[in-house]
Amino acid sequence: MPTQTEIELQAAAFRRLQKHLMQDRTDVQNIDMMNLAGFCRNCLARWYQEAANEKGIDMGKEEARELFYGMTMEEWKANHQTEANAEQKEAFKTSFAENVGKT
């Protein structure tokens, strides 16, 4: 497969994942994603930021999150985020250390 075609397919798959998480399944909480899969919407935004930075594009965490979420984190939290329970928070500590802390 030509490289440009592969890049376009990967980009399309990313956009579909983003739409799924940001429009179709706003009920799925980041903490649950992190605890089950080892990544969440914030991780995807961070990976977007890292890719931009590697290309010499100056992009901070909040800007990347706003681009990925299509809104500010404050708006997302107010509209979609629920309070995590003690069990979720405890599991998150382990998941974060295993998946984010090692980057």
C-alpha atoms as a PDB file:
ATOM      1  CA  MET A   1       0.000   0.000   0.000  1.00  0.00           C
ATOM      2  CA  PRO A   2       1.362   3.436  -0.863  1.00  0.00           C
ATOM      3  CA  THR A   3       2.565   5.378   2.171  1.00  0.00           C
ATOM      4  CA  GLN A   4       0.241   8.347   1.562  1.00  0.00           C
ATOM      5  CA  THR A   5      -2.759   6.032   1.367  1.00  0.00           C
ATOM      6  CA  GLU A   6      -1.764   4.354   4.607  1.00  0.00           C
ATOM      7  CA  ILE A   7      -1.400   7.751   6.305  1.00  0.00           C
ATOM      8  CA  GLU A   8      -4.842   8.798   5.052  1.00  0.00           C
ATOM      9  CA  LEU A   9      -6.424   5.564   6.311  1.00  0.00           C
ATOM     10  CA  GLN A  10      -4.755   5.941   9.703  1.00  0.00           C
ATOM     11  CA  ALA A  11      -5.955   9.541   9.922  1.00  0.00           C
ATOM     12  CA  ALA A  12      -9.495   8.477   9.003  1.00  0.00           C
ATOM     13  CA  ALA A  13      -9.440   5.750  11.664  1.00  0.00           C
ATOM     14  CA  PHE A  14      -8.189   8.276  14.240  1.00  0.00           C
ATOM     15  CA  ARG A  15     -10.958  10.730  13.329  1.00  0.00           C
ATOM     16  CA  ARG A  16     -13.535   7.956  13.679  1.00  0.00           C
ATOM     17  CA  LEU A  17     -12.152   6.965  17.091  1.00  0.00           C
ATOM     18  CA  GLN A  18     -12.253  10.601  18.145  1.00  0.00           C
ATOM     19  CA  LYS A  19     -15.881  10.952  16.978  1.00  0.00           C
ATOM     20  CA  HIS A  20     -16.828   7.733  18.744  1.00  0.00           C
ATOM     21  CA  LEU A  21     -15.352   8.938  22.045  1.00  0.00           C
ATOM     22  CA  MET A  22     -16.421  12.569  21.784  1.00  0.00           C
ATOM     23  CA  GLN A  23     -19.919  12.232  20.303  1.00  0.00           C
ATOM     24  CA  ASP A  24     -21.169   8.648  20.330  1.00  0.00           C
ATOM     25  CA  ARG A  25     -19.954   7.516  23.776  1.00  0.00           C
ATOM     26  CA  THR A  26     -19.665  10.556  25.990  1.00  0.00           C
ATOM     27  CA  ASP A  27     -21.051   8.333  28.753  1.00  0.00           C
ATOM     28  CA  VAL A  28     -17.797   6.378  28.939  1.00  0.00           C
ATOM     29  CA  GLN A  29     -15.646   7.962  31.611  1.00  0.00           C
ATOM     30  CA  ASN A  30     -11.926   8.606  31.093  1.00  0.00           C
ATOM     31  CA  ILE A  31     -11.087   6.916  34.385  1.00  0.00           C
ATOM     32  CA  ASP A  32     -12.866   3.727  33.267  1.00  0.00           C
ATOM     33  CA  MET A  33     -11.059   3.780  29.916  1.00  0.00           C
ATOM     34  CA  MET A  34      -7.735   4.251  31.678  1.00  0.00           C
ATOM     35  CA  ASN A  35      -8.417   1.499  34.186  1.00  0.00           C
ATOM     36  CA  LEU A  36      -9.553  -0.979  31.523  1.00  0.00           C
ATOM     37  CA  ALA A  37      -7.456  -0.098  28.485  1.00  0.00           C
ATOM     38  CA  GLY A  38      -4.498   1.872  29.794  1.00  0.00           C
ATOM     39  CA  PHE A  39      -5.380   5.024  27.853  1.00  0.00           C
ATOM     40  CA  CYS A  40      -8.127   7.634  27.720  1.00  0.00           C
ATOM     41  CA  ARG A  41      -9.128  10.765  25.849  1.00  0.00           C
ATOM     42  CA  ASN A  42      -6.428  12.740  27.669  1.00  0.00           C
ATOM     43  CA  CYS A  43      -3.821  10.237  26.493  1.00  0.00           C
ATOM     44  CA  LEU A  44      -4.978  10.641  22.900  1.00  0.00           C
ATOM     45  CA  ALA A  45      -4.724  14.416  23.262  1.00  0.00           C
ATOM     46  CA  ARG A  46      -1.235  14.030  24.756  1.00  0.00           C
ATOM     47  CA  TRP A  47      -0.148  11.799  21.875  1.00  0.00           C
ATOM     48  CA  TYR A  48      -1.489  14.450  19.482  1.00  0.00           C
ATOM     49  CA  GLN A  49       0.537  17.080  21.340  1.00  0.00           C
ATOM     50  CA  GLU A  50       3.673  14.921  21.279  1.00  0.00           C
ATOM     51  CA  ALA A  51       3.313  14.358  17.519  1.00  0.00           C
ATOM     52  CA  ALA A  52       2.941  18.103  16.986  1.00  0.00           C
ATOM     53  CA  ASN A  53       5.965  18.856  19.157  1.00  0.00           C
ATOM     54  CA  GLU A  54       8.039  16.265  17.262  1.00  0.00           C
ATOM     55  CA  LYS A  55       7.173  18.155  14.054  1.00  0.00           C
ATOM     56  CA  GLY A  56       8.371  21.410  15.612  1.00  0.00           C
ATOM     57  CA  ILE A  57       4.861  22.704  16.322  1.00  0.00           C
ATOM     58  CA  ASP A  58       4.638  24.398  19.702  1.00  0.00           C
ATOM     59  CA  MET A  59       1.557  22.956  21.374  1.00  0.00           C
ATOM     60  CA  GLY A  60       0.817  22.715  25.066  1.00  0.00           C
ATOM     61  CA  LYS A  61      -1.336  20.213  26.955  1.00  0.00           C
ATOM     62  CA  GLU A  62      -4.415  22.434  27.223  1.00  0.00           C
ATOM     63  CA  GLU A  63      -4.320  23.386  23.548  1.00  0.00           C
ATOM     64  CA  ALA A  64      -4.025  19.736  22.528  1.00  0.00           C
ATOM     65  CA  ARG A  65      -6.904  18.755  24.791  1.00  0.00           C
ATOM     66  CA  GLU A  66      -9.106  21.511  23.428  1.00  0.00           C
ATOM     67  CA  LEU A  67      -8.306  20.448  19.858  1.00  0.00           C
ATOM     68  CA  PHE A  68      -9.053  16.800  20.638  1.00  0.00           C
ATOM     69  CA  TYR A  69     -12.138  17.398  22.783  1.00  0.00           C
ATOM     70  CA  GLY A  70     -13.515  20.193  20.615  1.00  0.00           C
ATOM     71  CA  MET A  71     -14.062  22.181  23.819  1.00  0.00           C
ATOM     72  CA  THR A  72     -12.202  23.133  26.946  1.00  0.00           C
ATOM     73  CA  MET A  73     -11.629  20.537  29.663  1.00  0.00           C
ATOM     74  CA  GLU A  74     -13.853  22.596  31.945  1.00  0.00           C
ATOM     75  CA  GLU A  75     -16.704  22.306  29.431  1.00  0.00           C
ATOM     76  CA  TRP A  76     -16.147  18.559  28.989  1.00  0.00           C
ATOM     77  CA  LYS A  77     -16.107  17.950  32.726  1.00  0.00           C
ATOM     78  CA  ALA A  78     -19.237  20.020  33.298  1.00  0.00           C
ATOM     79  CA  ASN A  79     -21.138  18.261  30.521  1.00  0.00           C
ATOM     80  CA  HIS A  80     -19.900  14.668  30.689  1.00  0.00           C
ATOM     81  CA  GLN A  81     -17.657  13.783  33.621  1.00  0.00           C
ATOM     82  CA  THR A  82     -19.015  12.108  36.737  1.00  0.00           C
ATOM     83  CA  GLU A  83     -17.352  11.834  40.134  1.00  0.00           C
ATOM     84  CA  ALA A  84     -15.061   8.823  40.414  1.00  0.00           C
ATOM     85  CA  ASN A  85     -15.589   6.478  43.327  1.00  0.00           C
ATOM     86  CA  ALA A  86     -12.831   5.292  45.677  1.00  0.00           C
ATOM     87  CA  GLU A  87     -12.386   1.983  43.830  1.00  0.00           C
ATOM     88  CA  GLN A  88     -11.960   3.738  40.472  1.00  0.00           C
ATOM     89  CA  LYS A  89      -9.454   6.179  41.954  1.00  0.00           C
ATOM     90  CA  GLU A  90      -7.405   3.371  43.509  1.00  0.00           C
ATOM     91  CA  ALA A  91      -7.336   1.395  40.245  1.00  0.00           C
ATOM     92  CA  PHE A  92      -6.348   4.577  38.414  1.00  0.00           C
ATOM     93  CA  LYS A  93      -3.198   4.958  40.509  1.00  0.00           C
ATOM     94  CA  THR A  94      -1.954   1.599  39.275  1.00  0.00           C
ATOM     95  CA  SER A  95      -3.057   2.125  35.691  1.00  0.00           C
ATOM     96  CA  PHE A  96      -1.492   5.579  35.509  1.00  0.00           C
ATOM     97  CA  ALA A  97       1.821   4.316  36.910  1.00  0.00           C
ATOM     98  CA  GLU A  98       1.869   1.384  34.484  1.00  0.00           C
ATOM     99  CA  ASN A  99       0.791   3.269  31.377  1.00  0.00           C
ATOM    100  CA  VAL A 100       1.616   6.950  31.729  1.00  0.00           C
ATOM    101  CA  GLY A 101       4.276   7.076  34.415  1.00  0.00           C
ATOM    102  CA  LYS A 102       6.671   5.042  32.287  1.00  0.00           C
ATOM    103  CA  THR A 103       6.648   7.443  29.317  1.00  0.00           C
END
